[in-house]
Amino acid sequence: MLNLSKPQEFNCLASYVLEMVNAVKLEQLKPFFDFLPADPYLAGNYRFRNLSHFQIAGDRLIKLPHRQLFQSKVYNPILGDVVREYPELDDRLVASVDFQKIVWEFFQFCQLCTNFNEVAVHQIRTTASSQQLGNPAPEGIHRDGVELVGIFSVNRTGIEGGETHLYPEKDGRPAFSKILNPGEFLVFRDSQYFHYTSPVKATTSELGVRDVFVLTCPGLFPPESGVGSSDQ
């Protein structure tokens, strides 16, 4: 389990954290993005996605049974009120030390800021070609409807753009704007910031890719399945 250098400096009400997680070996994670299935809910075949949920019990990371994804139209005007089905993360990825380091790092923030002991991990690849931009956030400036959000950058190859922004007000100026480089981890409180990542453009004739893990605490489930697990 990774230890944050100064976790007490993270103000759960008003702050975001950007850190470089040097302990994670990115080369061990990159191959698991090469065979992600296309997101069937978006046209254009430029986004690819898997999704799994985990519970933290003591020092154990437990993979939970398969669950669907759901957001209301309040948070997602494009795919809101749609029950979405995505494949699970590869078991070999889940078992890898480097993946588990990322989840543990995020969970330390969850412990500081929430009562939930459940984390959802979205594995997402966005591609761009000379004919098509890739849009990491087709819903625009938005919130997810969770407690905490983390974006961990694994790979950027052959692209420009893909700048991530955090907005205290949806129609205001961003408080944070940065392209997340591989190894960087941005964590923020969803109720404090709207967020958005700009489209990516290919810089060569080859396919460009942006690979990230998006982590949320808790997950986002259809209404009949409840809202995740609490440690209370």
C-alpha atoms as a PDB file:
ATOM      1  CA  MET A   1       0.000   0.000   0.000  1.00  0.00           C
ATOM      2  CA  LEU A   2       1.372   3.398  -0.932  1.00  0.00           C
ATOM      3  CA  ASN A   3       1.632   6.124   1.656  1.00  0.00           C
ATOM      4  CA  LEU A   4       0.759   9.687   0.784  1.00  0.00           C
ATOM      5  CA  SER A   5       3.533  12.097   1.658  1.00  0.00           C
ATOM      6  CA  LYS A   6       1.264  14.565   3.449  1.00  0.00           C
ATOM      7  CA  PRO A   7      -2.367  13.370   3.275  1.00  0.00           C
ATOM      8  CA  GLN A   8      -3.444  15.882   5.902  1.00  0.00           C
ATOM      9  CA  GLU A   9      -2.857  18.664   3.357  1.00  0.00           C
ATOM     10  CA  PHE A  10      -5.798  17.451   1.272  1.00  0.00           C
ATOM     11  CA  ASN A  11      -8.796  19.578   2.230  1.00  0.00           C
ATOM     12  CA  CYS A  12     -11.812  17.472   1.344  1.00  0.00           C
ATOM     13  CA  LEU A  13     -14.070  20.487   1.018  1.00  0.00           C
ATOM     14  CA  ALA A  14     -12.035  22.777  -1.176  1.00  0.00           C
ATOM     15  CA  SER A  15      -8.952  21.145  -2.650  1.00  0.00           C
ATOM     16  CA  TYR A  16      -7.692  18.921  -5.392  1.00  0.00           C
ATOM     17  CA  VAL A  17      -4.463  16.949  -5.396  1.00  0.00           C
ATOM     18  CA  LEU A  18      -2.127  16.352  -8.327  1.00  0.00           C
ATOM     19  CA  GLU A  19       0.691  13.933  -7.647  1.00  0.00           C
ATOM     20  CA  MET A  20       3.217  11.903  -9.582  1.00  0.00           C
ATOM     21  CA  VAL A  21       3.022   8.241  -8.567  1.00  0.00           C
ATOM     22  CA  ASN A  22       6.546   7.116  -9.369  1.00  0.00           C
ATOM     23  CA  ALA A  23       6.099   3.709  -7.725  1.00  0.00           C
ATOM     24  CA  VAL A  24       3.775   2.532 -10.513  1.00  0.00           C
ATOM     25  CA  LYS A  25       5.523   0.887 -13.479  1.00  0.00           C
ATOM     26  CA  LEU A  26       3.482   2.150 -16.417  1.00  0.00           C
ATOM     27  CA  GLU A  27       5.013  -0.268 -18.893  1.00  0.00           C
ATOM     28  CA  GLN A  28       3.369  -3.105 -16.954  1.00  0.00           C
ATOM     29  CA  LEU A  29      -0.070  -1.500 -17.420  1.00  0.00           C
ATOM     30  CA  LYS A  30       0.022  -0.274 -21.010  1.00  0.00           C
ATOM     31  CA  PRO A  31      -0.557  -3.657 -22.737  1.00  0.00           C
ATOM     32  CA  PHE A  32      -3.891  -4.094 -20.960  1.00  0.00           C
ATOM     33  CA  PHE A  33      -5.329  -1.135 -22.886  1.00  0.00           C
ATOM     34  CA  ASP A  34      -4.573  -2.599 -26.320  1.00  0.00           C
ATOM     35  CA  PHE A  35      -7.546  -4.977 -26.364  1.00  0.00           C
ATOM     36  CA  LEU A  36     -10.270  -2.946 -24.676  1.00  0.00           C
ATOM     37  CA  PRO A  37     -13.704  -3.324 -26.300  1.00  0.00           C
ATOM     38  CA  ALA A  38     -15.330  -0.357 -28.011  1.00  0.00           C
ATOM     39  CA  ASP A  39     -17.833   1.592 -25.930  1.00  0.00           C
ATOM     40  CA  PRO A  40     -21.148   0.559 -27.553  1.00  0.00           C
ATOM     41  CA  TYR A  41     -22.989   3.628 -26.262  1.00  0.00           C
ATOM     42  CA  LEU A  42     -20.992   6.193 -28.254  1.00  0.00           C
ATOM     43  CA  ALA A  43     -20.866   6.610 -32.016  1.00  0.00           C
ATOM     44  CA  GLY A  44     -17.545   6.916 -33.784  1.00  0.00           C
ATOM     45  CA  ASN A  45     -15.698   3.939 -32.329  1.00  0.00           C
ATOM     46  CA  TYR A  46     -13.106   6.175 -30.641  1.00  0.00           C
ATOM     47  CA  ARG A  47     -13.623   5.227 -26.976  1.00  0.00           C
ATOM     48  CA  PHE A  48     -12.920   1.847 -25.401  1.00  0.00           C
ATOM     49  CA  ARG A  49     -13.828   0.825 -21.883  1.00  0.00           C
ATOM     50  CA  ASN A  50     -13.886  -1.764 -19.099  1.00  0.00           C
ATOM     51  CA  LEU A  51     -15.287  -1.331 -15.597  1.00  0.00           C
ATOM     52  CA  SER A  52     -14.868  -3.162 -12.286  1.00  0.00           C
ATOM     53  CA  HIS A  53     -15.724  -2.518  -8.648  1.00  0.00           C
ATOM     54  CA  PHE A  54     -13.620  -3.207  -5.580  1.00  0.00           C
ATOM     55  CA  GLN A  55     -14.125  -3.272  -1.852  1.00  0.00           C
ATOM     56  CA  ILE A  56     -11.346  -2.585   0.601  1.00  0.00           C
ATOM     57  CA  ALA A  57     -11.420  -4.735   3.736  1.00  0.00           C
ATOM     58  CA  GLY A  58      -8.450  -4.112   6.003  1.00  0.00           C
ATOM     59  CA  ASP A  59      -5.404  -4.671   3.836  1.00  0.00           C
ATOM     60  CA  ARG A  60      -7.313  -6.699   1.225  1.00  0.00           C
ATOM     61  CA  LEU A  61      -8.530  -5.510  -2.155  1.00  0.00           C
ATOM     62  CA  ILE A  62     -11.629  -7.548  -3.024  1.00  0.00           C
ATOM     63  CA  LYS A  63     -13.092  -7.574  -6.522  1.00  0.00           C
ATOM     64  CA  LEU A  64     -16.875  -7.347  -6.315  1.00  0.00           C
ATOM     65  CA  PRO A  65     -19.437  -9.129  -8.494  1.00  0.00           C
ATOM     66  CA  HIS A  66     -20.302  -7.548 -11.825  1.00  0.00           C
ATOM     67  CA  ARG A  67     -22.471  -4.438 -11.704  1.00  0.00           C
ATOM     68  CA  GLN A  68     -23.868  -2.079 -14.313  1.00  0.00           C
ATOM     69  CA  LEU A  69     -23.239   1.647 -14.665  1.00  0.00           C
ATOM     70  CA  PHE A  70     -25.955   4.268 -14.316  1.00  0.00           C
ATOM     71  CA  GLN A  71     -26.043   8.074 -14.204  1.00  0.00           C
ATOM     72  CA  SER A  72     -29.105  10.283 -14.250  1.00  0.00           C
ATOM     73  CA  LYS A  73     -29.559  13.006 -16.852  1.00  0.00           C
ATOM     74  CA  VAL A  74     -28.804  15.507 -14.102  1.00  0.00           C
ATOM     75  CA  TYR A  75     -25.149  14.455 -14.444  1.00  0.00           C
ATOM     76  CA  ASN A  76     -24.935  13.060 -17.964  1.00  0.00           C
ATOM     77  CA  PRO A  77     -27.153  14.729 -20.593  1.00  0.00           C
ATOM     78  CA  ILE A  78     -25.992  12.320 -23.322  1.00  0.00           C
ATOM     79  CA  LEU A  79     -26.197   8.918 -21.622  1.00  0.00           C
ATOM     80  CA  GLY A  80     -28.162   9.799 -18.516  1.00  0.00           C
ATOM     81  CA  ASP A  81     -30.926   7.397 -17.435  1.00  0.00           C
ATOM     82  CA  VAL A  82     -29.313   4.649 -19.543  1.00  0.00           C
ATOM     83  CA  VAL A  83     -28.266   1.444 -17.782  1.00  0.00           C
ATOM     84  CA  ARG A  84     -24.872   0.695 -19.293  1.00  0.00           C
ATOM     85  CA  GLU A  85     -23.101  -2.638 -19.443  1.00  0.00           C
ATOM     86  CA  TYR A  86     -19.292  -2.841 -19.679  1.00  0.00           C
ATOM     87  CA  PRO A  87     -16.950  -5.839 -19.443  1.00  0.00           C
ATOM     88  CA  GLU A  88     -14.857  -6.397 -16.333  1.00  0.00           C
ATOM     89  CA  LEU A  89     -11.173  -5.519 -16.113  1.00  0.00           C
ATOM     90  CA  ASP A  90      -8.786  -8.295 -17.104  1.00  0.00           C
ATOM     91  CA  ASP A  91      -8.074 -10.556 -14.117  1.00  0.00           C
ATOM     92  CA  ARG A  92      -4.352 -10.353 -14.847  1.00  0.00           C
ATOM     93  CA  LEU A  93      -4.495  -6.565 -14.607  1.00  0.00           C
ATOM     94  CA  VAL A  94      -6.443  -6.727 -11.340  1.00  0.00           C
ATOM     95  CA  ALA A  95      -3.847  -9.086  -9.886  1.00  0.00           C
ATOM     96  CA  SER A  96      -0.913  -6.878 -10.858  1.00  0.00           C
ATOM     97  CA  VAL A  97       0.948  -5.013  -8.139  1.00  0.00           C
ATOM     98  CA  ASP A  98       1.050  -1.787 -10.137  1.00  0.00           C
ATOM     99  CA  PHE A  99      -2.708  -1.670 -10.647  1.00  0.00           C
ATOM    100  CA  GLN A 100      -3.323  -2.344  -6.977  1.00  0.00           C
ATOM    101  CA  LYS A 101      -0.989   0.500  -6.020  1.00  0.00           C
ATOM    102  CA  ILE A 102      -3.224   2.913  -7.936  1.00  0.00           C
ATOM    103  CA  VAL A 103      -6.383   1.670  -6.218  1.00  0.00           C
ATOM    104  CA  TRP A 104      -4.766   1.832  -2.780  1.00  0.00           C
ATOM    105  CA  GLU A 105      -3.512   5.345  -3.432  1.00  0.00           C
ATOM    106  CA  PHE A 106      -7.007   6.502  -4.346  1.00  0.00           C
ATOM    107  CA  PHE A 107      -8.585   4.678  -1.424  1.00  0.00           C
ATOM    108  CA  GLN A 108      -6.473   6.631   1.040  1.00  0.00           C
ATOM    109  CA  PHE A 109      -8.280   9.770  -0.131  1.00  0.00           C
ATOM    110  CA  CYS A 110     -11.609   7.936   0.188  1.00  0.00           C
ATOM    111  CA  GLN A 111     -10.767   7.151   3.798  1.00  0.00           C
ATOM    112  CA  LEU A 112     -10.042  10.811   4.480  1.00  0.00           C
ATOM    113  CA  CYS A 113     -13.170  12.154   2.839  1.00  0.00           C
ATOM    114  CA  THR A 114     -15.966   9.558   2.791  1.00  0.00           C
ATOM    115  CA  ASN A 115     -17.532   6.670   4.665  1.00  0.00           C
ATOM    116  CA  PHE A 116     -17.417   4.401   1.634  1.00  0.00           C
ATOM    117  CA  ASN A 117     -15.097   1.432   1.281  1.00  0.00           C
ATOM    118  CA  GLU A 118     -15.956   0.780  -2.354  1.00  0.00           C
ATOM    119  CA  VAL A 119     -14.103   2.000  -5.428  1.00  0.00           C
ATOM    120  CA  ALA A 120     -15.134   1.802  -9.086  1.00  0.00           C
ATOM    121  CA  VAL A 121     -12.354   1.653 -11.673  1.00  0.00           C
ATOM    122  CA  HIS A 122     -13.054   2.638 -15.277  1.00  0.00           C
ATOM    123  CA  GLN A 123     -10.308   1.622 -17.704  1.00  0.00           C
ATOM    124  CA  ILE A 124     -10.670   3.955 -20.705  1.00  0.00           C
ATOM    125  CA  ARG A 125      -8.828   4.418 -23.974  1.00  0.00           C
ATOM    126  CA  THR A 126      -9.657   7.389 -26.227  1.00  0.00           C
ATOM    127  CA  THR A 127      -8.263   7.288 -29.752  1.00  0.00           C
ATOM    128  CA  ALA A 128      -7.752   9.913 -32.434  1.00  0.00           C
ATOM    129  CA  SER A 129      -6.901   9.628 -36.121  1.00  0.00           C
ATOM    130  CA  SER A 130      -6.172  12.033 -38.943  1.00  0.00           C
ATOM    131  CA  GLN A 131      -9.878  11.806 -39.825  1.00  0.00           C
ATOM    132  CA  GLN A 132     -11.416  11.919 -36.339  1.00  0.00           C
ATOM    133  CA  LEU A 133     -10.915  13.638 -33.003  1.00  0.00           C
ATOM    134  CA  GLY A 134     -11.269  11.642 -29.811  1.00  0.00           C
ATOM    135  CA  ASN A 135     -13.515  13.071 -27.126  1.00  0.00           C
ATOM    136  CA  PRO A 136     -12.788  11.897 -23.561  1.00  0.00           C
ATOM    137  CA  ALA A 137     -15.794  13.815 -22.173  1.00  0.00           C
ATOM    138  CA  PRO A 138     -18.601  13.968 -24.768  1.00  0.00           C
ATOM    139  CA  GLU A 139     -21.036  15.095 -22.035  1.00  0.00           C
ATOM    140  CA  GLY A 140     -19.096  18.367 -21.665  1.00  0.00           C
ATOM    141  CA  ILE A 141     -18.376  20.099 -18.357  1.00  0.00           C
ATOM    142  CA  HIS A 142     -19.991  17.872 -15.763  1.00  0.00           C
ATOM    143  CA  ARG A 143     -20.074  16.187 -12.394  1.00  0.00           C
ATOM    144  CA  ASP A 144     -20.295  12.417 -11.952  1.00  0.00           C
ATOM    145  CA  GLY A 145     -22.565  12.238  -8.902  1.00  0.00           C
ATOM    146  CA  VAL A 146     -20.074  10.533  -6.559  1.00  0.00           C
ATOM    147  CA  GLU A 147     -17.976  11.620  -3.580  1.00  0.00           C
ATOM    148  CA  LEU A 148     -14.462  11.547  -5.061  1.00  0.00           C
ATOM    149  CA  VAL A 149     -13.033  11.227  -8.552  1.00  0.00           C
ATOM    150  CA  GLY A 150      -9.478  10.257  -9.479  1.00  0.00           C
ATOM    151  CA  ILE A 151      -7.889  10.331 -12.951  1.00  0.00           C
ATOM    152  CA  PHE A 152      -4.656   8.382 -13.353  1.00  0.00           C
ATOM    153  CA  SER A 153      -2.809   8.839 -16.647  1.00  0.00           C
ATOM    154  CA  VAL A 154      -1.172   5.690 -18.028  1.00  0.00           C
ATOM    155  CA  ASN A 155      -0.247   6.624 -21.588  1.00  0.00           C
ATOM    156  CA  ARG A 156      -0.341   9.423 -24.174  1.00  0.00           C
ATOM    157  CA  THR A 157       0.965   8.502 -27.591  1.00  0.00           C
ATOM    158  CA  GLY A 158       0.692  10.451 -30.863  1.00  0.00           C
ATOM    159  CA  ILE A 159      -1.794  13.036 -29.614  1.00  0.00           C
ATOM    160  CA  GLU A 160      -2.133  16.646 -28.620  1.00  0.00           C
ATOM    161  CA  GLY A 161      -4.884  18.116 -26.477  1.00  0.00           C
ATOM    162  CA  GLY A 162      -6.682  16.171 -23.794  1.00  0.00           C
ATOM    163  CA  GLU A 163      -6.315  18.935 -21.214  1.00  0.00           C
ATOM    164  CA  THR A 164      -8.189  18.306 -17.969  1.00  0.00           C
ATOM    165  CA  HIS A 165     -10.026  21.200 -16.289  1.00  0.00           C
ATOM    166  CA  LEU A 166     -11.666  21.626 -12.883  1.00  0.00           C
ATOM    167  CA  TYR A 167     -14.328  24.319 -12.491  1.00  0.00           C
ATOM    168  CA  PRO A 168     -15.714  25.627  -9.178  1.00  0.00           C
ATOM    169  CA  GLU A 169     -18.676  26.937 -11.204  1.00  0.00           C
ATOM    170  CA  LYS A 170     -19.872  25.336 -14.425  1.00  0.00           C
ATOM    171  CA  ASP A 171     -19.946  28.625 -16.335  1.00  0.00           C
ATOM    172  CA  GLY A 172     -16.867  30.104 -14.652  1.00  0.00           C
ATOM    173  CA  ARG A 173     -13.116  29.998 -15.171  1.00  0.00           C
ATOM    174  CA  PRO A 174     -11.268  26.765 -14.372  1.00  0.00           C
ATOM    175  CA  ALA A 175      -9.325  26.529 -11.121  1.00  0.00           C
ATOM    176  CA  PHE A 176      -7.107  23.843 -12.669  1.00  0.00           C
ATOM    177  CA  SER A 177      -6.063  23.206 -16.275  1.00  0.00           C
ATOM    178  CA  LYS A 178      -3.409  20.693 -17.254  1.00  0.00           C
ATOM    179  CA  ILE A 179      -2.604  17.845 -19.585  1.00  0.00           C
ATOM    180  CA  LEU A 180      -2.113  14.842 -17.305  1.00  0.00           C
ATOM    181  CA  ASN A 181       1.171  13.207 -18.150  1.00  0.00           C
ATOM    182  CA  PRO A 182       1.721   9.461 -17.676  1.00  0.00           C
ATOM    183  CA  GLY A 183       2.101   8.696 -13.988  1.00  0.00           C
ATOM    184  CA  GLU A 184       0.201  11.761 -12.807  1.00  0.00           C
ATOM    185  CA  PHE A 185      -2.835  11.279 -10.578  1.00  0.00           C
ATOM    186  CA  LEU A 186      -5.485  13.982 -10.131  1.00  0.00           C
ATOM    187  CA  VAL A 187      -7.945  13.534  -7.241  1.00  0.00           C
ATOM    188  CA  PHE A 188     -10.811  15.899  -6.428  1.00  0.00           C
ATOM    189  CA  ARG A 189     -14.145  16.097  -4.647  1.00  0.00           C
ATOM    190  CA  ASP A 190     -16.966  15.751  -7.152  1.00  0.00           C
ATOM    191  CA  SER A 191     -19.320  18.120  -5.337  1.00  0.00           C
ATOM    192  CA  GLN A 192     -16.655  20.834  -5.271  1.00  0.00           C
ATOM    193  CA  TYR A 193     -15.620  20.807  -8.938  1.00  0.00           C
ATOM    194  CA  PHE A 194     -17.171  20.268 -12.308  1.00  0.00           C
ATOM    195  CA  HIS A 195     -14.653  18.605 -14.622  1.00  0.00           C
ATOM    196  CA  TYR A 196     -13.930  18.250 -18.313  1.00  0.00           C
ATOM    197  CA  THR A 197     -11.189  16.925 -20.601  1.00  0.00           C
ATOM    198  CA  SER A 198     -10.810  18.493 -24.036  1.00  0.00           C
ATOM    199  CA  PRO A 199     -10.710  16.415 -27.247  1.00  0.00           C
ATOM    200  CA  VAL A 200      -7.490  14.815 -28.440  1.00  0.00           C
ATOM    201  CA  LYS A 201      -6.089  15.187 -31.942  1.00  0.00           C
ATOM    202  CA  ALA A 202      -3.663  12.838 -33.695  1.00  0.00           C
ATOM    203  CA  THR A 203      -0.252  14.370 -34.388  1.00  0.00           C
ATOM    204  CA  THR A 204       0.783  11.847 -37.069  1.00  0.00           C
ATOM    205  CA  SER A 205      -0.894   9.605 -39.616  1.00  0.00           C
ATOM    206  CA  GLU A 206      -0.849   6.845 -37.003  1.00  0.00           C
ATOM    207  CA  LEU A 207      -3.598   6.284 -34.450  1.00  0.00           C
ATOM    208  CA  GLY A 208      -3.102   8.347 -31.303  1.00  0.00           C
ATOM    209  CA  VAL A 209      -4.192   7.091 -27.881  1.00  0.00           C
ATOM    210  CA  ARG A 210      -4.944   8.449 -24.417  1.00  0.00           C
ATOM    211  CA  ASP A 211      -5.146   5.754 -21.736  1.00  0.00           C
ATOM    212  CA  VAL A 212      -6.436   6.482 -18.232  1.00  0.00           C
ATOM    213  CA  PHE A 213      -7.980   4.903 -15.195  1.00  0.00           C
ATOM    214  CA  VAL A 214     -10.884   6.906 -13.802  1.00  0.00           C
ATOM    215  CA  LEU A 215     -11.659   5.951 -10.216  1.00  0.00           C
ATOM    216  CA  THR A 216     -14.746   6.960  -8.256  1.00  0.00           C
ATOM    217  CA  CYS A 217     -15.807   6.525  -4.669  1.00  0.00           C
ATOM    218  CA  PRO A 218     -18.409   5.007  -4.573  1.00  0.00           C
ATOM    219  CA  GLY A 219     -19.563   3.498  -7.876  1.00  0.00           C
ATOM    220  CA  LEU A 220     -22.594   4.537  -9.922  1.00  0.00           C
ATOM    221  CA  PHE A 221     -25.353   1.945 -10.002  1.00  0.00           C
ATOM    222  CA  PRO A 222     -28.933   1.600 -11.273  1.00  0.00           C
ATOM    223  CA  PRO A 223     -31.433   2.780  -8.620  1.00  0.00           C
ATOM    224  CA  GLU A 224     -32.645  -0.703  -7.712  1.00  0.00           C
ATOM    225  CA  SER A 225     -29.116  -1.864  -6.857  1.00  0.00           C
ATOM    226  CA  GLY A 226     -28.340   0.775  -4.249  1.00  0.00           C
ATOM    227  CA  VAL A 227     -25.386   3.144  -3.969  1.00  0.00           C
ATOM    228  CA  GLY A 228     -22.430   1.027  -2.992  1.00  0.00           C
ATOM    229  CA  SER A 229     -21.054  -0.086   0.341  1.00  0.00           C
ATOM    230  CA  SER A 230     -20.396   1.968   3.442  1.00  0.00           C
ATOM    231  CA  ASP A 231     -18.093   1.026   6.274  1.00  0.00           C
ATOM    232  CA  GLN A 232     -20.508   2.402   8.842  1.00  0.00           C
END
